[in-house]
């Protein structure tokens, strides 16, 4: 078995290239680098896409950092969203999917022609389905039956075997993660990638997303990072990188939806895990501290709670004011980034994650009947009601 240092270096080679400092990720191109004197004068991420990449896996990462203009004007701060919906599989989870599969390969847990099994709310499954198609593996997905039909349909179109199961707590043996584990154990040449507690997920963001954000903010000229978390990999990995690189200067906060325990956990320094209500957001919120989050939860500086009313209003605001079409989880992150910027003060720079696009949820988010059923129709300002185009 490869050492953790060797494995990290091998995995990082998929998505990180070497420029002058060796810190910028490249989306997995072959290890051929342009000498510094010949490098493009384009911004780092734009320059990273000048050359061809090696298949689907080579296109993962190096997403743009988008300035949210109207919120910058409102707050007097600089607020940016990392456009993870521009990954080839359409979400931030492409990064984790690639890393957990590569981790299984490096550890000898799967052989050519094998089966990858995962429990997922959708986006990791979609990323895995893409990666499995690219690498020749079968893909089996267990997911809560509360997830959008668009995600389920897409997974099946990508060739995955999908099992929507009742949404029950993690301590219930019928939880979708436990069912996925049992399924993998029943097969030969199969692996349960265990995205919640497999720290290859976290490492994806230490090796790629964190360095990208650092480079895209002119060598770490940011004051805060904030996002919600499901598995913990994105928040923990980026927090690890930014805290280490800035020597603790960059503030890292968690954003939390209704129904999650993590806001109360952080506010009480681990004394309470209070869970109340539920949320329309998918793939974020948690009832426990996962292994991915465990190593960084103590260094998070703060947390904010974001009600669904604020998240859904931001979905519509960003569509109308910025032309950015994102899902409710991404909108929650933007609301949280605005709150963080207001608290840090004018002139500060805050970065968050735009996880995926709204097209995976549009049958719900833009349906008047669905919005009314959730008591959210009135949360959308009158001037934005014109975007509720579905019955």
Protein backbone atom coordinates (compact mmCIF):
# COMPACT_ATOMS: atom_id res chain seq x y z
CA UNK A 1 0.00 0.00 0.00
CA UNK A 2 1.29 3.44 -0.90
CA UNK A 3 2.22 5.78 1.93
CA UNK A 4 -0.20 8.68 2.59
CA UNK A 5 2.40 11.17 1.31
CA UNK A 6 2.98 9.19 -1.90
CA UNK A 7 -0.76 8.69 -2.42
CA UNK A 8 -1.46 12.40 -1.90
CA UNK A 9 1.22 13.30 -4.42
CA UNK A 10 -0.15 10.82 -6.96
CA UNK A 11 -3.71 12.00 -6.50
CA UNK A 12 -2.71 15.63 -6.61
CA UNK A 13 -1.05 14.98 -9.93
CA UNK A 14 -4.45 14.38 -11.44
CA UNK A 15 -5.64 17.91 -10.84
CA UNK A 16 -2.61 20.01 -9.95
CA UNK A 17 0.03 21.20 -12.32
CA UNK A 18 3.35 22.87 -11.77
CA UNK A 19 3.77 26.49 -12.71
CA UNK A 20 6.45 28.56 -11.06
CA UNK A 21 5.33 27.73 -7.51
CA UNK A 22 3.77 24.33 -8.20
CA UNK A 23 0.60 25.32 -6.30
CA UNK A 24 -1.84 25.77 -9.16
CA UNK A 25 -4.15 22.90 -10.17
CA UNK A 26 -4.43 22.03 -13.86
CA UNK A 27 -7.38 19.71 -14.22
CA UNK A 28 -5.33 16.56 -14.78
CA UNK A 29 -3.41 17.27 -17.98
CA UNK A 30 -0.34 15.29 -18.89
CA UNK A 31 2.76 16.39 -17.00
CA UNK A 32 4.15 18.69 -19.68
CA UNK A 33 4.56 22.27 -18.52
CA UNK A 34 5.20 25.50 -20.39
CA UNK A 35 8.37 27.34 -19.30
CA UNK A 36 7.62 30.49 -17.33
CA UNK A 37 8.79 32.81 -20.12
CA UNK A 38 6.20 31.28 -22.48
CA UNK A 39 3.26 31.23 -20.12
CA UNK A 40 0.04 32.99 -21.08
CA UNK A 41 -0.78 36.38 -19.62
CA UNK A 42 -4.40 35.27 -19.20
CA UNK A 43 -5.80 34.81 -15.67
CA UNK A 44 -4.70 31.53 -14.07
CA UNK A 45 -7.89 29.54 -14.65
CA UNK A 46 -8.35 30.80 -18.21
CA UNK A 47 -4.74 29.92 -19.00
CA UNK A 48 -5.24 26.45 -17.49
CA UNK A 49 -7.74 25.65 -20.26
CA UNK A 50 -5.58 26.74 -23.20
CA UNK A 51 -4.32 23.19 -23.76
CA UNK A 52 -6.26 19.94 -24.26
CA UNK A 53 -6.96 17.78 -21.22
CA UNK A 54 -7.11 14.01 -20.89
CA UNK A 55 -10.76 12.96 -21.05
CA UNK A 56 -13.47 13.69 -18.50
CA UNK A 57 -11.18 13.35 -15.49
CA UNK A 58 -8.75 15.84 -16.95
CA UNK A 59 -11.47 18.48 -17.18
CA UNK A 60 -12.32 18.41 -13.46
CA UNK A 61 -11.33 21.54 -11.58
CA UNK A 62 -9.98 24.96 -12.52
CA UNK A 63 -13.40 26.58 -12.29
CA UNK A 64 -13.78 30.38 -12.46
CA UNK A 65 -14.24 32.66 -9.47
CA UNK A 66 -17.26 34.89 -10.15
CA UNK A 67 -17.71 38.32 -8.57
CA UNK A 68 -21.29 38.78 -7.32
CA UNK A 69 -21.58 42.39 -8.43
CA UNK A 70 -24.86 43.46 -6.81
CA UNK A 71 -23.89 42.05 -3.41
CA UNK A 72 -20.50 43.75 -3.62
CA UNK A 73 -22.30 47.05 -4.20
CA UNK A 74 -24.67 46.42 -1.28
CA UNK A 75 -22.01 45.44 1.24
CA UNK A 76 -18.96 47.42 0.17
CA UNK A 77 -17.06 44.11 0.29
CA UNK A 78 -15.81 41.78 -2.43
CA UNK A 79 -17.96 38.63 -2.62
CA UNK A 80 -16.99 35.82 -4.99
CA UNK A 81 -18.51 32.44 -5.85
CA UNK A 82 -16.37 29.54 -7.07
CA UNK A 83 -18.31 28.36 -10.14
CA UNK A 84 -18.26 24.63 -9.44
CA UNK A 85 -21.29 24.16 -11.68
CA UNK A 86 -18.78 24.54 -14.53
CA UNK A 87 -17.10 21.22 -13.73
CA UNK A 88 -17.70 18.67 -16.54
CA UNK A 89 -20.23 16.73 -14.46
CA UNK A 90 -21.93 19.94 -13.34
CA UNK A 91 -21.05 20.18 -9.66
CA UNK A 92 -18.39 20.52 -6.98
CA UNK A 93 -18.78 16.79 -6.31
CA UNK A 94 -16.87 15.89 -9.47
CA UNK A 95 -13.71 16.56 -7.46
CA UNK A 96 -14.59 14.21 -4.60
CA UNK A 97 -15.85 11.54 -7.02
CA UNK A 98 -12.56 11.49 -8.89
CA UNK A 99 -10.48 11.37 -5.73
CA UNK A 100 -12.40 8.58 -3.97
CA UNK A 101 -12.22 6.39 -7.08
CA UNK A 102 -8.51 7.08 -7.54
CA UNK A 103 -8.00 6.35 -3.84
CA UNK A 104 -9.71 2.96 -4.26
CA UNK A 105 -7.52 2.18 -7.28
CA UNK A 106 -4.30 3.13 -5.50
CA UNK A 107 -5.22 1.04 -2.47
CA UNK A 108 -6.09 -1.99 -4.60
CA UNK A 109 -9.74 -2.00 -3.53
CA UNK A 110 -11.07 -2.25 -7.07
CA UNK A 111 -9.84 -3.86 -10.26
CA UNK A 112 -10.70 -3.15 -13.92
CA UNK A 113 -14.36 -3.90 -14.64
CA UNK A 114 -15.36 -3.60 -10.98
CA UNK A 115 -18.30 -1.84 -9.34
CA UNK A 116 -18.33 1.45 -7.44
CA UNK A 117 -21.14 1.76 -4.88
CA UNK A 118 -22.06 4.95 -3.02
CA UNK A 119 -24.77 6.47 -0.87
CA UNK A 120 -25.39 10.01 -2.07
CA UNK A 121 -27.97 12.78 -2.22
CA UNK A 122 -27.24 13.03 -5.91
CA UNK A 123 -24.29 15.12 -7.02
CA UNK A 124 -21.54 12.76 -5.84
CA UNK A 125 -23.44 9.98 -7.56
CA UNK A 126 -23.56 11.97 -10.79
CA UNK A 127 -19.83 12.67 -10.54
CA UNK A 128 -19.15 9.00 -9.84
CA UNK A 129 -21.34 7.90 -12.75
CA UNK A 130 -19.29 10.10 -15.08
CA UNK A 131 -15.96 8.93 -13.64
CA UNK A 132 -17.06 5.29 -13.79
CA UNK A 133 -18.07 5.62 -17.43
CA UNK A 134 -14.71 7.21 -18.19
CA UNK A 135 -12.80 4.49 -16.35
CA UNK A 136 -14.89 1.45 -17.31
CA UNK A 137 -16.47 0.68 -13.92
CA UNK A 138 -20.08 -0.13 -13.09
CA UNK A 139 -21.81 2.34 -10.78
CA UNK A 140 -24.50 1.67 -8.15
CA UNK A 141 -26.12 4.53 -6.24
CA UNK A 142 -28.32 4.49 -3.13
CA UNK A 143 -30.01 7.80 -2.40
CA UNK A 144 -32.82 9.24 -0.23
CA UNK A 145 -36.13 9.20 -2.06
CA UNK A 146 -36.53 12.89 -1.20
CA UNK A 147 -34.12 13.96 -3.93
CA UNK A 148 -35.17 15.65 -7.16
CA UNK A 149 -36.39 13.52 -10.06
CA UNK A 150 -33.96 15.35 -12.34
CA UNK A 151 -31.02 13.88 -10.41
CA UNK A 152 -32.45 10.36 -10.44
CA UNK A 153 -33.15 10.52 -14.17
CA UNK A 154 -29.68 11.84 -14.94
CA UNK A 155 -28.00 9.10 -12.93
CA UNK A 156 -29.91 6.44 -14.86
CA UNK A 157 -29.11 8.11 -18.18
CA UNK A 158 -25.45 7.94 -17.21
CA UNK A 159 -25.76 4.17 -16.80
CA UNK A 160 -25.90 4.00 -13.00
CA UNK A 161 -28.04 1.49 -11.16
CA UNK A 162 -30.13 3.66 -8.81
CA UNK A 163 -31.94 2.70 -5.60
CA UNK A 164 -34.04 5.52 -4.08
CA UNK A 165 -34.78 4.44 -0.49
CA UNK A 166 -36.68 6.01 2.43
CA UNK A 167 -34.84 8.89 4.09
CA UNK A 168 -34.01 7.75 7.63
CA UNK A 169 -31.43 8.86 10.20
CA UNK A 170 -27.82 7.70 9.99
CA UNK A 171 -28.19 5.50 13.08
CA UNK A 172 -30.93 3.51 11.32
CA UNK A 173 -29.59 0.35 9.58
CA UNK A 174 -31.77 1.24 6.56
CA UNK A 175 -30.03 4.58 6.04
CA UNK A 176 -28.98 4.84 2.40
CA UNK A 177 -25.28 4.84 3.30
CA UNK A 178 -25.52 1.58 5.22
CA UNK A 179 -27.49 -0.02 2.40
CA UNK A 180 -24.79 1.04 -0.06
CA UNK A 181 -22.10 -0.51 2.13
CA UNK A 182 -23.96 -3.81 2.38
CA UNK A 183 -24.51 -3.88 -1.37
CA UNK A 184 -20.79 -3.44 -2.06
CA UNK A 185 -19.91 -6.15 0.46
CA UNK A 186 -22.23 -8.58 -1.37
CA UNK A 187 -20.33 -8.21 -4.66
CA UNK A 188 -16.96 -9.39 -5.90
CA UNK A 189 -14.57 -6.68 -7.09
CA UNK A 190 -16.65 -3.83 -5.68
CA UNK A 191 -15.93 -0.88 -3.41
CA UNK A 192 -18.13 1.33 -1.26
CA UNK A 193 -16.43 4.70 -1.67
CA UNK A 194 -17.94 6.05 1.59
CA UNK A 195 -17.85 9.73 0.66
CA UNK A 196 -18.86 10.93 4.14
CA UNK A 197 -15.95 9.36 6.01
CA UNK A 198 -13.41 8.70 3.27
CA UNK A 199 -10.89 11.51 3.69
CA UNK A 200 -9.82 11.25 0.05
CA UNK A 201 -12.88 13.52 -0.37
CA UNK A 202 -11.32 16.16 1.90
CA UNK A 203 -7.96 15.71 0.22
CA UNK A 204 -9.49 16.61 -3.16
CA UNK A 205 -10.06 20.13 -1.87
CA UNK A 206 -6.69 20.40 -0.11
CA UNK A 207 -5.00 19.44 -3.36
CA UNK A 208 -7.18 21.37 -5.83
CA UNK A 209 -9.95 23.74 -4.73
CA UNK A 210 -8.02 25.42 -1.94
CA UNK A 211 -4.97 26.18 -4.11
CA UNK A 212 -7.21 27.44 -6.90
CA UNK A 213 -8.97 29.89 -4.59
CA UNK A 214 -5.63 31.08 -3.24
CA UNK A 215 -4.28 31.71 -6.73
CA UNK A 216 -7.50 33.32 -7.97
CA UNK A 217 -7.46 35.86 -5.14
CA UNK A 218 -4.05 37.20 -6.15
CA UNK A 219 -2.05 34.92 -3.92
CA UNK A 220 -4.40 34.66 -0.98
CA UNK A 221 -5.78 38.19 -0.79
CA UNK A 222 -9.01 37.05 0.83
CA UNK A 223 -10.33 37.52 4.35
CA UNK A 224 -12.99 34.86 4.62
CA UNK A 225 -14.29 31.59 3.22
CA UNK A 226 -17.72 30.15 3.97
CA UNK A 227 -19.87 27.29 2.70
CA UNK A 228 -22.37 24.70 3.84
CA UNK A 229 -21.40 21.09 4.23
CA UNK A 230 -22.84 17.63 3.76
CA UNK A 231 -19.92 15.20 3.74
CA UNK A 232 -17.60 17.87 5.13
CA UNK A 233 -15.02 17.39 2.39
CA UNK A 234 -15.29 20.76 0.64
CA UNK A 235 -15.41 22.90 3.78
CA UNK A 236 -12.74 20.92 5.62
CA UNK A 237 -10.32 20.62 2.70
CA UNK A 238 -10.49 24.28 1.72
CA UNK A 239 -10.32 25.37 5.37
CA UNK A 240 -7.24 23.20 5.89
CA UNK A 241 -5.45 24.70 2.91
CA UNK A 242 -6.40 28.33 3.56
CA UNK A 243 -5.63 28.19 7.28
CA UNK A 244 -2.27 26.56 6.68
CA UNK A 245 -1.28 28.81 3.79
CA UNK A 246 -2.37 32.04 5.52
CA UNK A 247 -1.01 30.96 8.93
CA UNK A 248 -4.52 31.22 10.35
CA UNK A 249 -5.28 34.69 8.99
CA UNK A 250 -8.20 33.71 6.70
CA UNK A 251 -11.50 33.31 8.57
CA UNK A 252 -13.33 30.06 7.73
CA UNK A 253 -17.01 29.71 8.65
CA UNK A 254 -19.71 27.10 8.20
CA UNK A 255 -23.14 27.88 6.71
CA UNK A 256 -25.97 25.66 7.87
CA UNK A 257 -29.56 25.04 6.72
CA UNK A 258 -32.55 24.20 8.95
CA UNK A 259 -32.52 20.60 10.16
CA UNK A 260 -28.75 20.40 10.56
CA UNK A 261 -26.94 20.16 13.91
CA UNK A 262 -23.64 21.74 12.92
CA UNK A 263 -24.49 25.40 13.59
CA UNK A 264 -25.45 24.59 17.19
CA UNK A 265 -22.39 22.35 17.52
CA UNK A 266 -20.01 25.14 16.51
CA UNK A 267 -21.78 27.87 18.48
CA UNK A 268 -21.65 25.80 21.67
CA UNK A 269 -18.14 24.45 20.99
CA UNK A 270 -19.38 20.90 20.69
CA UNK A 271 -21.76 20.87 23.66
CA UNK A 272 -25.03 20.81 21.71
CA UNK A 273 -26.22 19.12 18.53
CA UNK A 274 -29.65 20.68 18.21
CA UNK A 275 -31.72 19.62 15.20
CA UNK A 276 -34.94 21.44 14.38
CA UNK A 277 -37.05 21.35 11.26
CA UNK A 278 -35.95 20.51 7.74
CA UNK A 279 -34.81 22.24 4.58
CA UNK A 280 -35.54 22.39 0.86
CA UNK A 281 -31.80 22.34 0.18
CA UNK A 282 -30.30 19.07 -1.03
CA UNK A 283 -26.94 17.53 -0.18
CA UNK A 284 -26.09 19.84 2.73
CA UNK A 285 -26.80 19.80 6.45
CA UNK A 286 -25.70 17.01 8.74
CA UNK A 287 -26.68 15.20 11.90
CA UNK A 288 -23.13 14.33 12.94
CA UNK A 289 -19.50 15.36 12.54
CA UNK A 290 -18.13 13.22 9.71
CA UNK A 291 -14.56 11.98 9.49
CA UNK A 292 -13.98 14.45 6.66
CA UNK A 293 -15.01 17.37 8.86
CA UNK A 294 -13.60 16.08 12.15
CA UNK A 295 -10.04 17.36 11.69
CA UNK A 296 -11.09 20.93 10.85
CA UNK A 297 -14.27 21.48 12.88
CA UNK A 298 -12.28 22.83 15.84
CA UNK A 299 -10.53 25.49 13.73
CA UNK A 300 -13.68 26.91 12.15
CA UNK A 301 -14.04 30.49 13.34
CA UNK A 302 -17.84 30.79 13.28
CA UNK A 303 -21.08 29.61 11.69
CA UNK A 304 -24.30 31.10 10.37
CA UNK A 305 -27.80 29.67 10.09
CA UNK A 306 -29.65 30.39 6.85
CA UNK A 307 -33.44 29.93 6.69
CA UNK A 308 -34.99 28.49 3.54
CA UNK A 309 -36.82 31.76 2.90
CA UNK A 310 -33.52 33.55 2.42
CA UNK A 311 -32.07 30.77 0.25
CA UNK A 312 -35.02 30.66 -2.16
CA UNK A 313 -35.10 34.45 -2.45
CA UNK A 314 -31.41 34.42 -3.38
CA UNK A 315 -32.01 31.79 -6.10
CA UNK A 316 -34.33 34.29 -7.77
CA UNK A 317 -32.17 37.34 -7.06
CA UNK A 318 -29.08 35.83 -8.64
CA UNK A 319 -31.04 34.77 -11.71
CA UNK A 320 -32.54 38.24 -12.12
CA UNK A 321 -29.62 40.46 -11.13
CA UNK A 322 -26.59 38.42 -12.17
CA UNK A 323 -27.87 35.94 -14.75
CA UNK A 324 -26.52 33.14 -12.54
CA UNK A 325 -28.76 30.07 -12.45
CA UNK A 326 -27.93 28.04 -9.34
CA UNK A 327 -29.63 25.66 -6.93
CA UNK A 328 -30.84 26.36 -3.41
CA UNK A 329 -27.70 25.01 -1.70
CA UNK A 330 -25.53 27.35 -3.74
CA UNK A 331 -27.91 30.23 -3.02
CA UNK A 332 -27.64 29.44 0.70
CA UNK A 333 -23.87 29.77 0.37
CA UNK A 334 -24.26 33.18 -1.26
CA UNK A 335 -26.61 34.37 1.50
CA UNK A 336 -24.04 33.18 4.03
CA UNK A 337 -21.21 34.93 2.18
CA UNK A 338 -23.17 38.19 2.28
CA UNK A 339 -23.70 37.79 6.03
CA UNK A 340 -20.02 37.06 6.54
CA UNK A 341 -19.00 40.07 4.46
CA UNK A 342 -21.31 42.35 6.44
CA UNK A 343 -19.80 41.14 9.69
CA UNK A 344 -16.18 41.32 8.55
CA UNK A 345 -16.71 44.82 7.17
CA UNK A 346 -16.31 46.96 4.08
CA UNK A 347 -13.31 46.28 1.91
CA UNK A 348 -13.03 42.63 2.95
CA UNK A 349 -12.99 39.75 0.45
CA UNK A 350 -15.16 36.66 0.96
CA UNK A 351 -15.32 33.50 -1.17
CA UNK A 352 -17.99 30.80 -1.25
CA UNK A 353 -18.94 27.78 -3.37
CA UNK A 354 -21.55 27.74 -6.16
CA UNK A 355 -22.12 24.00 -5.94
CA UNK A 356 -24.33 23.29 -8.94
CA UNK A 357 -26.89 24.71 -11.34
CA UNK A 358 -30.64 25.11 -10.81
CA UNK A 359 -31.46 22.87 -13.77
CA UNK A 360 -31.20 19.86 -11.44
CA UNK A 361 -34.03 21.29 -9.31
CA UNK A 362 -36.01 23.48 -11.68
CA UNK A 363 -39.19 21.38 -11.55
CA UNK A 364 -39.40 22.31 -7.87
CA UNK A 365 -37.71 25.67 -7.46
CA UNK A 366 -39.72 27.36 -10.23
CA UNK A 367 -43.04 25.64 -9.58
CA UNK A 368 -45.72 27.76 -7.88
CA UNK A 369 -47.50 24.68 -6.54
CA UNK A 370 -44.30 23.34 -4.97
CA UNK A 371 -43.28 26.71 -3.52
CA UNK A 372 -46.72 27.16 -1.99
CA UNK A 373 -46.61 23.64 -0.54
CA UNK A 374 -43.39 24.61 1.27
CA UNK A 375 -44.72 27.99 2.37
CA UNK A 376 -42.04 29.76 0.32
CA UNK A 377 -43.95 31.53 -2.46
CA UNK A 378 -44.26 34.71 -0.41
CA UNK A 379 -40.50 34.70 0.30
CA UNK A 380 -39.90 35.65 -3.34
CA UNK A 381 -40.20 39.42 -3.88
CA UNK A 382 -43.07 40.55 -6.10
CA UNK A 383 -40.72 41.84 -8.79
CA UNK A 384 -39.20 38.33 -9.10
CA UNK A 385 -42.46 36.37 -9.18
CA UNK A 386 -42.31 36.48 -12.99
CA UNK A 387 -39.70 33.71 -12.84
CA UNK A 388 -42.15 31.26 -11.29
CA UNK A 389 -42.99 29.84 -14.69
CA UNK A 390 -44.07 26.29 -13.80
CA UNK A 391 -47.51 25.42 -12.39
